[in-house]
């Protein structure tokens, strides 16, 4: 999927970050409040936040793949 998007899809540099609906953030906060471990969701949220950093090619590629695979909205420059 990444190879296809890299050759046929948009330039990853034109994508800025994944949209944040707040559901992941809410889930992580609730997990903390309930003293429940939620490492996968927490890491996913951290990656989403990290995708907003400048020049983060890896997370921009992940954003493109999430958009392609799951239809997640992606902000563009």
N, C-alpha and C. Protein backbone atom coordinates (compact mmCIF):
# COMPACT_ATOMS: atom_id res chain seq x y z
N UNK A 1 0.83 -1.18 0.00
CA UNK A 1 0.00 0.00 0.00
C UNK A 1 0.88 1.25 0.00
N UNK A 2 1.91 1.26 0.83
CA UNK A 2 2.79 2.43 0.90
C UNK A 2 3.51 2.65 -0.42
N UNK A 3 3.95 1.57 -1.04
CA UNK A 3 4.65 1.69 -2.32
C UNK A 3 3.72 2.24 -3.40
N UNK A 4 2.49 1.79 -3.43
CA UNK A 4 1.52 2.29 -4.40
C UNK A 4 1.26 3.77 -4.19
N UNK A 5 1.03 4.16 -2.94
CA UNK A 5 0.77 5.57 -2.66
C UNK A 5 1.99 6.43 -2.94
N UNK A 6 3.18 5.88 -2.72
CA UNK A 6 4.41 6.65 -2.96
C UNK A 6 4.60 6.92 -4.45
N UNK A 7 4.16 5.98 -5.30
CA UNK A 7 4.37 6.17 -6.74
C UNK A 7 3.15 6.77 -7.44
N UNK A 8 1.95 6.40 -7.01
CA UNK A 8 0.73 6.83 -7.70
C UNK A 8 -0.06 7.89 -6.96
N UNK A 9 0.20 8.03 -5.67
CA UNK A 9 -0.59 8.93 -4.85
C UNK A 9 0.01 10.31 -4.74
N UNK A 10 -0.60 11.12 -3.88
CA UNK A 10 -0.12 12.48 -3.68
C UNK A 10 1.22 12.49 -2.95
N UNK A 11 1.91 13.58 -3.07
CA UNK A 11 3.18 13.77 -2.38
C UNK A 11 2.93 13.83 -0.87
N UNK A 12 3.59 12.97 -0.06
CA UNK A 12 3.37 12.99 1.39
C UNK A 12 3.65 14.34 2.02
N UNK A 13 4.49 15.14 1.42
CA UNK A 13 4.82 16.44 1.98
C UNK A 13 3.61 17.37 1.94
N UNK A 14 2.67 17.13 1.02
CA UNK A 14 1.49 17.99 0.93
C UNK A 14 0.47 17.70 2.03
N UNK A 15 0.61 16.56 2.71
CA UNK A 15 -0.28 16.23 3.82
C UNK A 15 0.29 16.79 5.11
N UNK A 16 -0.56 17.33 5.95
CA UNK A 16 -0.05 17.86 7.20
C UNK A 16 -0.28 16.90 8.36
N UNK A 17 -1.50 16.46 8.60
CA UNK A 17 -1.74 15.57 9.73
C UNK A 17 -3.12 14.93 9.64
N UNK A 18 -3.30 13.92 10.48
CA UNK A 18 -4.61 13.29 10.58
C UNK A 18 -5.56 14.18 11.35
N UNK A 19 -6.80 14.18 10.96
CA UNK A 19 -7.82 14.91 11.70
C UNK A 19 -7.97 14.27 13.08
N UNK A 20 -8.36 15.06 14.03
CA UNK A 20 -8.56 14.58 15.40
C UNK A 20 -10.01 14.83 15.78
N UNK A 21 -10.80 13.75 15.85
CA UNK A 21 -12.21 13.89 16.20
C UNK A 21 -12.41 14.01 17.70
N UNK A 22 -11.37 13.68 18.47
CA UNK A 22 -11.46 13.74 19.92
C UNK A 22 -11.79 12.40 20.57
N UNK A 23 -12.21 11.42 19.77
CA UNK A 23 -12.59 10.12 20.33
C UNK A 23 -11.40 9.39 20.95
N UNK A 24 -10.26 9.40 20.26
CA UNK A 24 -9.07 8.75 20.80
C UNK A 24 -8.60 9.43 22.07
N UNK A 25 -8.61 10.75 22.06
CA UNK A 25 -8.21 11.54 23.23
C UNK A 25 -9.14 11.22 24.42
N UNK A 26 -10.44 11.19 24.15
CA UNK A 26 -11.42 10.88 25.20
C UNK A 26 -11.19 9.47 25.74
N UNK A 27 -10.93 8.51 24.85
CA UNK A 27 -10.72 7.13 25.27
C UNK A 27 -9.50 7.01 26.16
N UNK A 28 -8.41 7.68 25.81
CA UNK A 28 -7.18 7.63 26.61
C UNK A 28 -7.43 8.27 27.98
N UNK A 29 -8.09 9.40 28.00
CA UNK A 29 -8.38 10.07 29.28
C UNK A 29 -9.26 9.19 30.17
N UNK A 30 -10.28 8.56 29.57
CA UNK A 30 -11.15 7.66 30.34
C UNK A 30 -10.37 6.46 30.86
N UNK A 31 -9.48 5.92 30.04
CA UNK A 31 -8.66 4.78 30.48
C UNK A 31 -7.81 5.16 31.68
N UNK A 32 -7.22 6.34 31.63
CA UNK A 32 -6.41 6.83 32.76
C UNK A 32 -7.29 6.99 33.99
N UNK A 33 -8.45 7.63 33.83
CA UNK A 33 -9.35 7.85 34.97
C UNK A 33 -9.84 6.53 35.58
N UNK A 34 -10.01 5.50 34.74
CA UNK A 34 -10.50 4.20 35.22
C UNK A 34 -9.37 3.25 35.60
N UNK A 35 -8.12 3.73 35.47
CA UNK A 35 -6.94 2.92 35.79
C UNK A 35 -6.89 1.65 34.94
N UNK A 36 -7.15 1.83 33.64
CA UNK A 36 -7.15 0.74 32.69
C UNK A 36 -6.05 1.00 31.66
N UNK A 37 -5.28 -0.02 31.37
CA UNK A 37 -4.22 0.11 30.37
C UNK A 37 -4.82 0.12 28.97
N UNK A 38 -4.38 1.09 28.16
CA UNK A 38 -4.83 1.17 26.76
C UNK A 38 -3.65 1.58 25.89
N UNK A 39 -2.59 0.75 25.85
CA UNK A 39 -1.36 1.17 25.17
C UNK A 39 -1.49 1.37 23.67
N UNK A 40 -2.29 0.57 23.00
CA UNK A 40 -2.40 0.70 21.54
C UNK A 40 -3.12 1.99 21.17
N UNK A 41 -4.21 2.28 21.85
CA UNK A 41 -4.95 3.51 21.58
C UNK A 41 -4.12 4.73 21.95
N UNK A 42 -3.40 4.64 23.08
CA UNK A 42 -2.55 5.75 23.50
C UNK A 42 -1.46 6.01 22.48
N UNK A 43 -0.80 4.96 22.00
CA UNK A 43 0.25 5.13 20.99
C UNK A 43 -0.32 5.69 19.69
N UNK A 44 -1.51 5.23 19.32
CA UNK A 44 -2.16 5.76 18.12
C UNK A 44 -2.42 7.25 18.25
N UNK A 45 -2.90 7.67 19.42
CA UNK A 45 -3.14 9.10 19.66
C UNK A 45 -1.83 9.88 19.60
N UNK A 46 -0.77 9.33 20.18
CA UNK A 46 0.52 10.02 20.17
C UNK A 46 1.04 10.15 18.73
N UNK A 47 0.86 9.12 17.91
CA UNK A 47 1.27 9.19 16.50
C UNK A 47 0.47 10.26 15.76
N UNK A 48 -0.81 10.32 16.05
CA UNK A 48 -1.66 11.31 15.39
C UNK A 48 -1.19 12.72 15.75
N UNK A 49 -0.88 12.94 17.01
CA UNK A 49 -0.39 14.25 17.45
C UNK A 49 0.97 14.52 16.82
N UNK A 50 1.83 13.49 16.81
CA UNK A 50 3.17 13.65 16.24
C UNK A 50 3.14 13.95 14.74
N UNK A 51 2.09 13.51 14.06
CA UNK A 51 1.99 13.75 12.62
C UNK A 51 1.86 15.24 12.30
N UNK A 52 1.58 16.05 13.32
CA UNK A 52 1.44 17.50 13.11
C UNK A 52 2.78 18.22 13.12
N UNK A 53 3.84 17.52 13.52
CA UNK A 53 5.17 18.15 13.55
C UNK A 53 5.66 18.39 12.13
N UNK A 54 6.43 19.42 11.97
CA UNK A 54 7.02 19.74 10.67
C UNK A 54 8.01 18.67 10.25
N UNK A 55 8.05 18.39 8.96
CA UNK A 55 9.05 17.49 8.37
C UNK A 55 9.08 16.11 9.00
N UNK A 56 7.94 15.56 9.35
CA UNK A 56 7.86 14.22 9.91
C UNK A 56 7.35 13.27 8.83
N UNK A 57 8.23 12.88 7.94
CA UNK A 57 7.87 12.09 6.77
C UNK A 57 7.22 10.76 7.16
N UNK A 58 7.77 10.08 8.16
CA UNK A 58 7.24 8.77 8.56
C UNK A 58 5.78 8.86 8.96
N UNK A 59 5.45 9.81 9.82
CA UNK A 59 4.07 9.91 10.27
C UNK A 59 3.15 10.44 9.18
N UNK A 60 3.69 11.22 8.26
CA UNK A 60 2.86 11.65 7.12
C UNK A 60 2.53 10.46 6.22
N UNK A 61 3.49 9.55 6.03
CA UNK A 61 3.21 8.33 5.26
C UNK A 61 2.17 7.48 5.98
N UNK A 62 2.26 7.37 7.30
CA UNK A 62 1.25 6.63 8.05
C UNK A 62 -0.13 7.27 7.89
N UNK A 63 -0.17 8.60 7.89
CA UNK A 63 -1.44 9.30 7.70
C UNK A 63 -2.03 8.97 6.33
N UNK A 64 -1.19 8.95 5.31
CA UNK A 64 -1.66 8.62 3.96
C UNK A 64 -2.20 7.19 3.92
N UNK A 65 -1.49 6.25 4.55
CA UNK A 65 -1.93 4.86 4.55
C UNK A 65 -3.23 4.70 5.34
N UNK A 66 -3.37 5.41 6.47
CA UNK A 66 -4.63 5.35 7.22
C UNK A 66 -5.78 5.91 6.39
N UNK A 67 -5.49 6.94 5.62
CA UNK A 67 -6.51 7.51 4.75
C UNK A 67 -6.90 6.50 3.67
N UNK A 68 -5.92 5.86 3.08
CA UNK A 68 -6.17 4.88 2.02
C UNK A 68 -6.90 3.66 2.56
N UNK A 69 -6.47 3.14 3.68
CA UNK A 69 -7.00 1.89 4.22
C UNK A 69 -8.33 2.09 4.95
N UNK A 70 -8.38 3.10 5.81
CA UNK A 70 -9.56 3.26 6.64
C UNK A 70 -10.42 4.46 6.35
N UNK A 71 -10.00 5.27 5.36
CA UNK A 71 -10.78 6.44 5.02
C UNK A 71 -10.70 7.57 6.02
N UNK A 72 -9.67 7.55 6.88
CA UNK A 72 -9.51 8.60 7.89
C UNK A 72 -9.18 9.92 7.20
N UNK A 73 -9.84 10.97 7.62
CA UNK A 73 -9.62 12.29 7.02
C UNK A 73 -8.20 12.78 7.31
N UNK A 74 -7.59 13.39 6.31
CA UNK A 74 -6.24 13.92 6.43
C UNK A 74 -6.24 15.38 6.01
N UNK A 75 -5.65 16.21 6.84
CA UNK A 75 -5.51 17.64 6.50
C UNK A 75 -4.39 17.78 5.48
N UNK A 76 -4.56 18.68 4.51
CA UNK A 76 -3.53 18.95 3.53
C UNK A 76 -3.09 20.39 3.67
N UNK A 77 -1.86 20.67 3.23
CA UNK A 77 -1.35 22.05 3.25
C UNK A 77 -2.19 22.92 2.35
